[in-house]
Protein backbone atom coordinates (compact mmCIF):
# COMPACT_ATOMS: atom_id res chain seq x y z
CA ALA A 1 -31.32 42.56 -53.81
CA GLY A 2 -33.96 44.95 -55.06
CA GLY A 3 -37.37 45.45 -53.47
CA SER A 4 -40.19 47.95 -53.72
CA ASP A 5 -40.03 51.73 -54.25
CA ARG A 6 -36.46 51.68 -55.59
CA VAL A 7 -35.15 50.24 -52.30
CA TRP A 8 -32.11 48.00 -52.45
CA VAL A 9 -30.51 46.16 -49.51
CA GLY A 10 -27.08 44.54 -49.41
CA GLY A 11 -24.98 42.67 -46.89
CA GLY A 12 -21.25 42.12 -46.68
CA LEU A 13 -18.35 42.49 -44.31
CA GLN A 14 -18.40 44.31 -40.99
CA LEU A 15 -18.08 48.06 -41.51
CA GLY A 16 -18.40 51.19 -39.45
CA SER A 17 -17.37 52.02 -35.92
CA THR A 18 -19.02 48.92 -34.42
CA PRO A 19 -17.45 45.84 -36.06
CA GLY A 20 -19.95 43.08 -36.70
CA ALA A 21 -22.93 45.34 -36.05
CA GLN A 22 -22.92 47.40 -39.24
CA SER A 23 -22.86 44.89 -42.07
CA ILE A 24 -26.07 45.87 -43.90
CA LYS A 25 -26.24 48.68 -46.46
CA ARG A 26 -29.37 50.28 -47.90
CA SER A 27 -30.24 52.40 -50.92
CA THR A 28 -33.51 54.25 -51.46
CA ASP A 29 -32.71 55.66 -54.91
CA GLY A 30 -32.38 52.58 -57.07
CA ALA A 31 -28.87 51.60 -55.89
CA GLU A 32 -27.25 54.92 -56.88
CA ASN A 33 -26.30 55.90 -53.31
CA TRP A 34 -25.87 53.70 -50.25
CA THR A 35 -25.99 54.14 -46.47
CA ILE A 36 -24.53 51.80 -43.85
CA LEU A 37 -27.20 51.09 -41.27
CA ALA A 38 -26.37 52.27 -37.77
CA SER A 39 -25.47 49.59 -35.25
CA GLY A 40 -28.79 50.07 -33.45
CA SER A 41 -30.72 49.11 -36.58
CA ASN A 42 -28.63 46.11 -37.63
CA PRO A 43 -28.05 42.48 -36.65
CA GLY A 44 -25.30 42.77 -34.05
CA GLN A 45 -23.27 39.67 -34.78
CA GLN A 46 -19.55 39.22 -35.22
CA GLN A 47 -20.10 37.86 -38.71
CA PRO A 48 -20.74 39.35 -42.13
CA THR A 49 -24.32 39.45 -43.37
CA ARG A 50 -23.69 37.06 -46.23
CA ALA A 51 -27.06 37.29 -47.95
CA VAL A 52 -30.28 39.28 -48.00
CA CYS A 53 -33.46 38.20 -49.76
CA TYR A 54 -36.54 40.21 -50.70
CA LYS A 55 -39.84 38.44 -50.12
CA SER A 56 -42.72 40.83 -50.95
CA GLY A 57 -44.19 44.16 -49.93
CA ARG A 58 -41.70 45.68 -47.45
CA GLU A 59 -40.53 42.34 -46.06
CA TRP A 60 -36.87 41.22 -46.25
CA TYR A 61 -34.83 38.41 -44.70
CA ALA A 62 -31.10 38.24 -43.98
CA ILE A 63 -28.64 35.62 -42.74
CA ASN A 64 -25.88 36.37 -40.25
CA ASP A 65 -23.81 33.46 -38.97
CA SER A 66 -26.48 30.75 -38.50
CA ASP A 67 -29.26 33.18 -37.58
CA ILE A 68 -32.19 34.42 -39.68
CA TRP A 69 -33.20 38.07 -39.37
CA LYS A 70 -36.34 39.82 -40.62
CA SER A 71 -37.20 43.37 -41.66
CA THR A 72 -40.73 44.64 -42.27
CA ASP A 73 -39.75 48.21 -43.25
CA ASP A 74 -37.71 47.68 -46.42
CA GLY A 75 -34.50 46.89 -44.56
CA ALA A 76 -34.42 50.01 -42.36
CA THR A 77 -34.49 48.00 -39.11
CA TRP A 78 -34.05 44.31 -38.35
CA GLY A 79 -35.11 41.85 -35.65
CA GLY A 80 -38.22 39.76 -35.30
CA GLY A 81 -37.26 37.37 -32.51
CA GLU A 82 -37.37 37.03 -28.75
CA PRO A 83 -34.59 37.80 -26.23
CA HIS A 84 -32.08 35.02 -25.67
CA PRO A 85 -29.10 34.54 -23.36
CA GLY A 86 -25.94 36.27 -24.54
CA ALA A 87 -27.72 38.36 -27.17
CA PRO A 88 -25.26 40.87 -28.65
CA SER A 89 -27.75 43.73 -28.89
CA THR A 90 -31.30 44.78 -28.09
CA MET A 91 -32.50 43.15 -31.29
CA TYR A 92 -32.93 39.44 -31.66
CA PRO A 93 -32.92 37.13 -34.67
CA LEU A 94 -36.15 35.68 -35.93
CA ILE A 95 -34.70 32.20 -35.44
CA GLU A 96 -31.34 30.85 -34.30
CA ASP A 97 -29.80 27.64 -35.64
CA PRO A 98 -32.96 26.41 -37.43
CA GLY A 99 -33.56 22.73 -36.80
CA GLY A 100 -30.34 22.61 -34.80
CA LEU A 101 -28.37 23.58 -37.89
CA THR A 102 -25.34 25.55 -36.72
CA GLY A 103 -22.34 27.00 -38.51
CA VAL A 104 -22.20 29.70 -41.16
CA PHE A 105 -24.92 30.31 -43.76
CA ASN A 106 -23.79 31.72 -47.11
CA ALA A 107 -26.95 32.06 -49.22
CA MET A 108 -30.72 31.82 -49.11
CA ALA A 109 -33.59 31.70 -51.59
CA TYR A 110 -37.38 31.73 -51.54
CA ASN A 111 -40.12 30.01 -53.53
CA PRO A 112 -43.43 31.85 -52.96
CA ASP A 113 -45.51 29.21 -54.71
CA ASP A 114 -44.77 26.25 -52.42
CA GLY A 115 -47.71 25.94 -50.01
CA SER A 116 -49.53 28.76 -48.24
CA ASN A 117 -46.37 30.40 -46.87
CA GLY A 118 -43.89 29.48 -49.57
CA ARG A 119 -40.59 27.74 -48.80
CA TRP A 120 -37.17 29.09 -47.80
CA VAL A 121 -33.85 27.31 -48.23
CA VAL A 122 -30.49 28.30 -46.72
CA VAL A 123 -27.09 26.78 -47.51
CA GLY A 124 -23.73 27.16 -45.84
CA ASN A 125 -20.37 25.84 -44.83
CA SER A 126 -19.55 22.13 -44.57
CA GLY A 127 -22.54 21.13 -46.68
CA ALA A 128 -25.13 22.73 -44.40
CA ILE A 129 -28.69 22.95 -45.78
CA GLY A 130 -31.84 24.09 -43.98
CA TYR A 131 -35.38 25.00 -44.94
CA SER A 132 -38.60 26.52 -43.59
CA THR A 133 -42.22 26.42 -44.68
CA ASP A 134 -43.52 29.05 -42.23
CA ASN A 135 -41.34 32.09 -42.94
CA TRP A 136 -38.76 30.99 -40.36
CA GLY A 137 -41.20 30.65 -37.52
CA THR A 138 -39.52 27.25 -37.34
CA GLY A 139 -36.70 25.68 -39.33
CA ASN A 140 -35.52 22.24 -40.36
CA GLU A 141 -32.14 20.75 -41.10
CA ALA A 142 -32.35 19.03 -44.48
CA THR A 143 -32.04 15.26 -44.68
CA ASP A 144 -29.09 15.71 -47.04
CA SER A 145 -27.32 18.36 -44.97
CA GLY A 146 -23.70 17.92 -43.91
CA SER A 147 -21.04 15.34 -44.60
CA GLY A 148 -23.54 12.57 -45.31
CA GLY A 149 -25.21 14.51 -48.12
CA PRO A 150 -24.22 14.85 -51.78
CA PHE A 151 -22.22 18.05 -51.15
CA GLY A 152 -20.15 16.35 -48.47
CA THR A 153 -18.15 18.81 -46.38
CA ASN A 154 -17.80 21.32 -49.23
CA HIS A 155 -18.95 24.85 -48.46
CA ILE A 156 -22.15 25.65 -50.38
CA TYR A 157 -22.03 29.25 -51.58
CA GLY A 158 -25.15 29.71 -53.68
CA VAL A 159 -28.76 28.57 -53.99
CA VAL A 160 -31.68 29.63 -56.19
CA TYR A 161 -35.17 28.44 -56.92
CA CYS A 162 -35.72 28.08 -60.65
CA ALA A 163 -39.43 28.18 -61.42
CA GLY A 164 -41.10 27.47 -64.75
CA ILE A 165 -40.36 24.20 -66.49
CA VAL A 166 -37.33 23.51 -64.26
CA ASN A 167 -39.24 23.83 -60.98
CA LYS A 168 -36.26 22.93 -58.77
CA TRP A 169 -33.85 24.32 -56.19
CA VAL A 170 -30.30 24.48 -57.52
CA ALA A 171 -27.16 25.00 -55.40
CA CYS A 172 -23.44 25.21 -56.05
CA SER A 173 -20.40 24.65 -53.86
CA ALA A 174 -16.65 24.47 -53.61
CA GLY A 175 -15.26 21.21 -54.89
CA GLY A 176 -17.05 21.71 -58.21
CA LYS A 177 -20.47 20.50 -57.11
CA ILE A 178 -23.83 21.55 -58.50
CA GLY A 179 -26.93 19.98 -57.01
CA TYR A 180 -30.70 20.14 -57.36
CA SER A 181 -33.74 19.40 -55.23
CA THR A 182 -37.51 19.47 -55.60
CA ASP A 183 -38.16 20.22 -51.92
CA GLY A 184 -34.95 21.62 -50.40
CA ASN A 185 -34.72 18.55 -48.19
CA THR A 186 -33.26 15.78 -50.35
CA TRP A 187 -30.63 16.61 -52.96
CA THR A 188 -28.79 15.16 -55.95
CA ALA A 189 -25.40 16.60 -56.86
CA THR A 190 -22.74 16.07 -59.50
CA THR A 191 -19.10 17.10 -59.69
CA THR A 192 -18.04 19.30 -62.60
CA GLY A 193 -14.57 19.97 -63.98
CA SER A 194 -12.17 18.37 -66.41
CA PRO A 195 -11.93 14.57 -66.40
CA GLY A 196 -9.80 13.55 -63.46
CA ALA A 197 -9.74 17.08 -62.06
CA GLY A 198 -11.45 16.00 -58.87
CA GLY A 199 -13.87 18.90 -58.79
CA SER A 200 -11.45 21.72 -59.44
CA ASP A 201 -14.23 24.20 -60.28
CA HIS A 202 -14.92 26.03 -57.02
CA PHE A 203 -18.30 27.74 -57.43
CA ARG A 204 -19.08 30.93 -55.53
CA SER A 205 -22.51 32.08 -56.72
CA ILE A 206 -25.53 31.08 -58.79
CA ALA A 207 -28.40 32.99 -60.44
CA THR A 208 -31.43 32.30 -62.63
CA ASP A 209 -34.09 34.09 -64.66
CA ASN A 210 -36.30 30.98 -64.36
CA THR A 211 -35.15 29.85 -67.79
CA THR A 212 -31.35 29.77 -67.68
CA ILE A 213 -29.19 28.98 -64.64
CA VAL A 214 -25.71 30.49 -64.39
CA ALA A 215 -23.07 29.39 -61.86
CA VAL A 216 -19.79 31.29 -61.48
CA GLY A 217 -16.65 30.69 -59.47
CA GLN A 218 -12.92 30.96 -59.04
CA SER A 219 -10.56 31.55 -61.95
CA GLY A 220 -13.39 33.01 -64.01
CA ILE A 221 -15.36 29.79 -64.48
CA ILE A 222 -18.92 30.17 -65.78
CA TYR A 223 -21.36 27.29 -66.23
CA THR A 224 -24.84 27.62 -67.75
CA SER A 225 -27.79 25.29 -68.00
């Protein structure tokens, strides 16, 4: 994702000499050249950093496993939380397992215009959905999270907030599901794919320019709305 002053920050798989502790990359020249952050500046988890999200100013957020991390210096260093038992490094996540929501988070998105602090939504494996209205000072597991929600146990790989006339959160998952929500808490989802295909369209990512929404997935599928 791109932030201020030509700074870009990306996540991904574990790289470098310290597996699991060097999964964030940073560019300060408009994404032309990239540097892997040293292990002492990075979330030290044995998981990929699956998503990073720019908020405003020099503030960024990242997800690693089911933890939320924060940077206030354009992604140069990360932390924000308090020490906890078994911490893998000297840095600590802003929040662990928000609202008791555990597992693996795959994507996150932010709506700055929802209340005084905006609203964050994270999505992940096995239908996991969480949200925060105080910049991850606290977190909540969504009412429609998990097997009892409209995504069932499908892994949710993408979420965006589409402003403008749409004014909704939209997420996509394996099993051919695309869902929407007005608050990130309760969701409605439908299954795409050919008649009788049983949700054969496995979505992997979603994006929006606040007018059009595009979801992409396996075998080159592209859906627009």
